Protein backbone atom coordinates (compact mmCIF):
# COMPACT_ATOMS: atom_id res chain seq x y z
CA MET A 1 33.46 4.69 4.10
CA THR A 2 29.97 3.21 3.83
CA ASP A 3 26.95 5.49 3.72
CA TRP A 4 24.25 3.98 5.94
CA THR A 5 21.57 6.64 5.34
CA PRO A 6 19.91 4.78 2.42
CA ILE A 7 19.39 1.78 4.69
CA PHE A 8 17.83 3.92 7.42
CA ILE A 9 15.67 5.82 4.93
CA SER A 10 14.51 2.54 3.36
CA MET A 11 13.69 0.97 6.72
CA LYS A 12 11.84 4.08 7.87
CA THR A 13 9.94 4.27 4.58
CA ALA A 14 9.04 0.57 4.54
CA SER A 15 7.94 0.65 8.19
CA LEU A 16 5.58 3.59 7.75
CA SER A 17 4.32 2.33 4.41
CA ILE A 18 3.47 -1.14 5.75
CA PHE A 19 1.57 0.44 8.63
CA ILE A 20 -0.54 2.42 6.16
CA THR A 21 -0.79 -0.37 3.59
CA PHE A 22 -1.71 -3.06 6.12
CA PHE A 23 -4.76 -1.32 7.53
CA LEU A 24 -5.81 0.25 4.24
CA GLY A 25 -5.51 -3.13 2.50
CA LEU A 26 -7.61 -4.85 5.17
CA ILE A 27 -10.35 -2.22 5.05
CA VAL A 28 -10.53 -2.14 1.25
CA ALA A 29 -10.40 -5.95 0.92
CA TRP A 30 -13.19 -6.36 3.47
CA GLY A 31 -15.27 -3.72 1.68
CA ILE A 32 -14.79 -5.42 -1.70
CA VAL A 33 -15.67 -8.85 -0.28
CA LYS A 34 -18.88 -7.45 1.22
CA LEU A 35 -19.98 -5.83 -2.08
CA LYS A 36 -22.93 -7.53 -3.74
CA ASN A 37 -22.54 -6.07 -7.25
CA ASP A 38 -20.05 -8.19 -9.23
CA SER A 39 -19.54 -5.53 -11.93
CA VAL A 40 -18.47 -2.96 -9.35
CA LYS A 41 -16.22 -5.56 -7.71
CA ILE A 42 -14.47 -6.26 -11.02
CA VAL A 43 -13.92 -2.58 -11.82
CA LEU A 44 -12.64 -1.72 -8.33
CA ASP A 45 -10.44 -4.81 -8.25
CA GLY A 46 -8.90 -3.76 -11.55
CA ILE A 47 -8.20 -0.26 -10.24
CA PHE A 48 -6.72 -1.49 -6.95
CA THR A 49 -4.40 -3.99 -8.66
CA LEU A 50 -3.31 -1.65 -11.46
CA PRO A 51 0.11 -0.85 -9.87
CA ILE A 52 1.05 -4.53 -10.22
CA VAL A 53 0.32 -4.51 -13.96
CA LEU A 54 1.84 -1.15 -14.90
CA PRO A 55 5.59 -0.62 -14.97
CA PRO A 56 6.75 1.08 -11.74
CA THR A 57 8.09 4.10 -13.63
CA VAL A 58 4.67 4.67 -15.19
CA VAL A 59 3.08 4.56 -11.74
CA GLY A 60 5.79 6.95 -10.53
CA PHE A 61 5.09 9.34 -13.40
CA PHE A 62 1.38 9.25 -12.55
CA LEU A 63 2.20 9.97 -8.88
CA LEU A 64 4.48 12.82 -9.93
CA TYR A 65 1.68 14.23 -12.05
CA ILE A 66 -0.70 14.14 -9.07
CA PHE A 67 1.68 15.14 -6.25
CA GLY A 68 3.95 17.52 -8.20
CA VAL A 69 3.77 21.23 -7.40
CA ARG A 70 1.40 21.76 -10.33
CA GLY A 71 -0.61 18.58 -9.79
CA PRO A 72 -3.99 18.69 -8.08
CA ILE A 73 -2.90 17.31 -4.70
CA GLY A 74 0.61 18.74 -4.80
CA LYS A 75 -0.67 22.25 -5.61
CA PHE A 76 -3.19 22.02 -2.76
CA PHE A 77 -0.45 21.11 -0.26
CA VAL A 78 1.86 23.87 -1.51
CA ASP A 79 -0.88 26.53 -1.49
CA PHE A 80 -2.48 25.70 1.86
CA PHE A 81 0.29 24.09 3.91
CA ALA A 82 3.46 25.32 2.16
CA VAL A 83 4.58 21.69 1.91
CA LYS A 84 6.10 20.24 -1.24
CA ILE A 85 5.42 16.51 -1.51
CA ALA A 86 7.37 15.59 -4.65
CA PHE A 87 11.08 14.98 -4.11
CA SER A 88 10.71 14.65 -0.34
CA TRP A 89 10.78 11.73 2.09
CA SER A 90 6.98 11.75 2.05
CA ALA A 91 7.16 10.93 -1.65
CA THR A 92 9.14 7.77 -0.90
CA VAL A 93 6.39 6.67 1.48
CA ILE A 94 3.65 7.46 -1.05
CA ALA A 95 5.46 5.46 -3.74
CA ALA A 96 5.98 2.51 -1.39
CA VAL A 97 2.33 2.54 -0.29
CA VAL A 98 0.99 2.69 -3.84
CA MET A 99 3.30 -0.06 -5.10
CA SER A 100 2.83 -2.40 -2.11
CA PHE A 101 -0.92 -1.88 -1.62
CA PRO A 102 -2.03 -4.37 -4.33
CA LEU A 103 -0.05 -7.17 -2.69
CA MET A 104 -1.66 -6.56 0.69
CA TYR A 105 -5.10 -6.02 -0.80
CA ARG A 106 -5.06 -9.19 -2.95
CA SER A 107 -3.71 -11.35 -0.13
CA ALA A 108 -6.27 -10.04 2.37
CA ARG A 109 -9.11 -10.37 -0.13
CA GLY A 110 -8.14 -13.93 -0.97
CA ALA A 111 -7.83 -14.79 2.72
CA PHE A 112 -11.25 -13.27 3.49
CA GLU A 113 -12.88 -15.14 0.59
CA GLN A 114 -11.43 -18.46 1.83
CA VAL A 115 -13.22 -18.20 5.18
CA ASP A 116 -16.30 -20.43 5.24
CA SER A 117 -19.43 -18.25 5.11
CA ASN A 118 -21.17 -20.75 7.41
CA LEU A 119 -18.85 -19.58 10.20
CA LEU A 120 -19.94 -15.98 9.65
CA ASP A 121 -23.59 -17.01 9.55
CA ALA A 122 -23.15 -19.00 12.77
CA GLY A 123 -21.79 -15.87 14.45
CA ARG A 124 -24.85 -13.93 13.29
CA THR A 125 -27.25 -16.57 14.63
CA LEU A 126 -25.45 -16.40 17.97
CA GLY A 127 -26.18 -12.67 18.11
CA MET A 128 -22.68 -11.37 17.38
CA SER A 129 -22.40 -7.88 15.91
CA GLU A 130 -20.79 -7.49 12.46
CA PHE A 131 -17.83 -5.80 14.15
CA LYS A 132 -17.36 -8.77 16.50
CA ILE A 133 -17.80 -11.24 13.63
CA PHE A 134 -15.06 -9.41 11.72
CA TRP A 135 -12.60 -9.53 14.64
CA LYS A 136 -13.41 -12.88 16.21
CA VAL A 137 -14.31 -15.00 13.19
CA LEU A 138 -13.24 -13.50 9.86
CA LEU A 139 -9.92 -11.97 10.86
CA ALA A 140 -8.96 -14.91 13.08
CA ASN A 141 -9.53 -17.42 10.28
CA ALA A 142 -7.91 -15.27 7.58
CA LEU A 143 -4.84 -14.33 9.64
CA PRO A 144 -2.24 -16.54 7.87
CA GLY A 145 -3.12 -15.04 4.47
CA ILE A 146 -3.17 -11.54 5.90
CA ILE A 147 0.25 -11.97 7.53
CA SER A 148 1.74 -13.29 4.28
CA GLY A 149 0.29 -10.29 2.45
CA GLY A 150 1.85 -7.98 5.03
CA ILE A 151 5.25 -9.62 4.57
CA LEU A 152 5.01 -9.33 0.78
CA ALA A 153 3.92 -5.69 1.02
CA TYR A 154 6.76 -4.85 3.41
CA ALA A 155 9.33 -6.45 1.11
CA ARG A 156 7.89 -4.58 -1.89
CA GLY A 157 8.00 -1.29 0.01
CA LEU A 158 11.58 -1.93 1.08
CA GLY A 159 12.78 -2.70 -2.43
CA GLU A 160 10.67 -0.17 -4.35
CA PHE A 161 12.73 1.64 -6.95
CA GLY A 162 10.88 2.68 -10.12
CA ALA A 163 8.04 4.75 -8.68
CA THR A 164 10.32 6.12 -5.97
CA ALA A 165 12.85 7.26 -8.56
CA MET A 166 10.16 9.19 -10.42
CA ILE A 167 8.37 10.92 -7.54
CA ALA A 168 11.14 11.17 -4.91
CA GLY A 169 14.30 11.25 -6.97
CA ASN A 170 17.76 10.44 -5.68
CA ILE A 171 18.63 13.09 -3.10
CA ALA A 172 21.46 11.92 -0.86
CA GLY A 173 20.45 11.83 2.79
CA GLN A 174 16.76 12.52 2.02
CA THR A 175 15.25 10.25 -0.64
CA ARG A 176 18.06 7.91 -1.63
CA THR A 177 16.79 4.45 -0.72
CA LEU A 178 18.51 1.09 -0.60
CA PRO A 179 17.99 0.15 -4.29
CA TRP A 180 19.89 3.31 -5.31
CA GLN A 181 22.94 2.12 -3.36
CA PHE A 182 23.24 -0.96 -5.53
CA ILE A 183 22.73 0.98 -8.75
CA LEU A 184 25.26 3.67 -7.91
CA LYS A 185 28.05 1.19 -7.06
């Protein structure tokens, strides 16, 4: 008999993680594009894309260190909310968000940088607010790149294994995601 729970857990994890990653990636990419200091841009870009460069198990170990019961964030959640993050479904979402964020961020940043700055300046001369310029000009022109970044991030979140294995483990019915099914067969 086939166990369908890993598929449902993976879909639920990927769906929540893309929701978080999509908006977080847009906000961070827009903030980085608007920065004037190139040195700060380079440093922040390196930090935000680090999960792509590091092996997923290393990222997972780092997440376990932070969100484990003795880690700074994990200890805070255990002490104040009596909630253990590591080896829970929340840990699968955290791993998927961290591992898929660089794909969304880089795609959104690249899409934002491709928009002609003359269009943004034209919006300003027409009296549009920065908020309206973002929604009506920047986002509208960058939408194909943003959508492709969202698709890549969703696929990465759905297939995430290394970081998830470290921080969430392989608990049947709770944290066992789709990649585990193929490994265990």
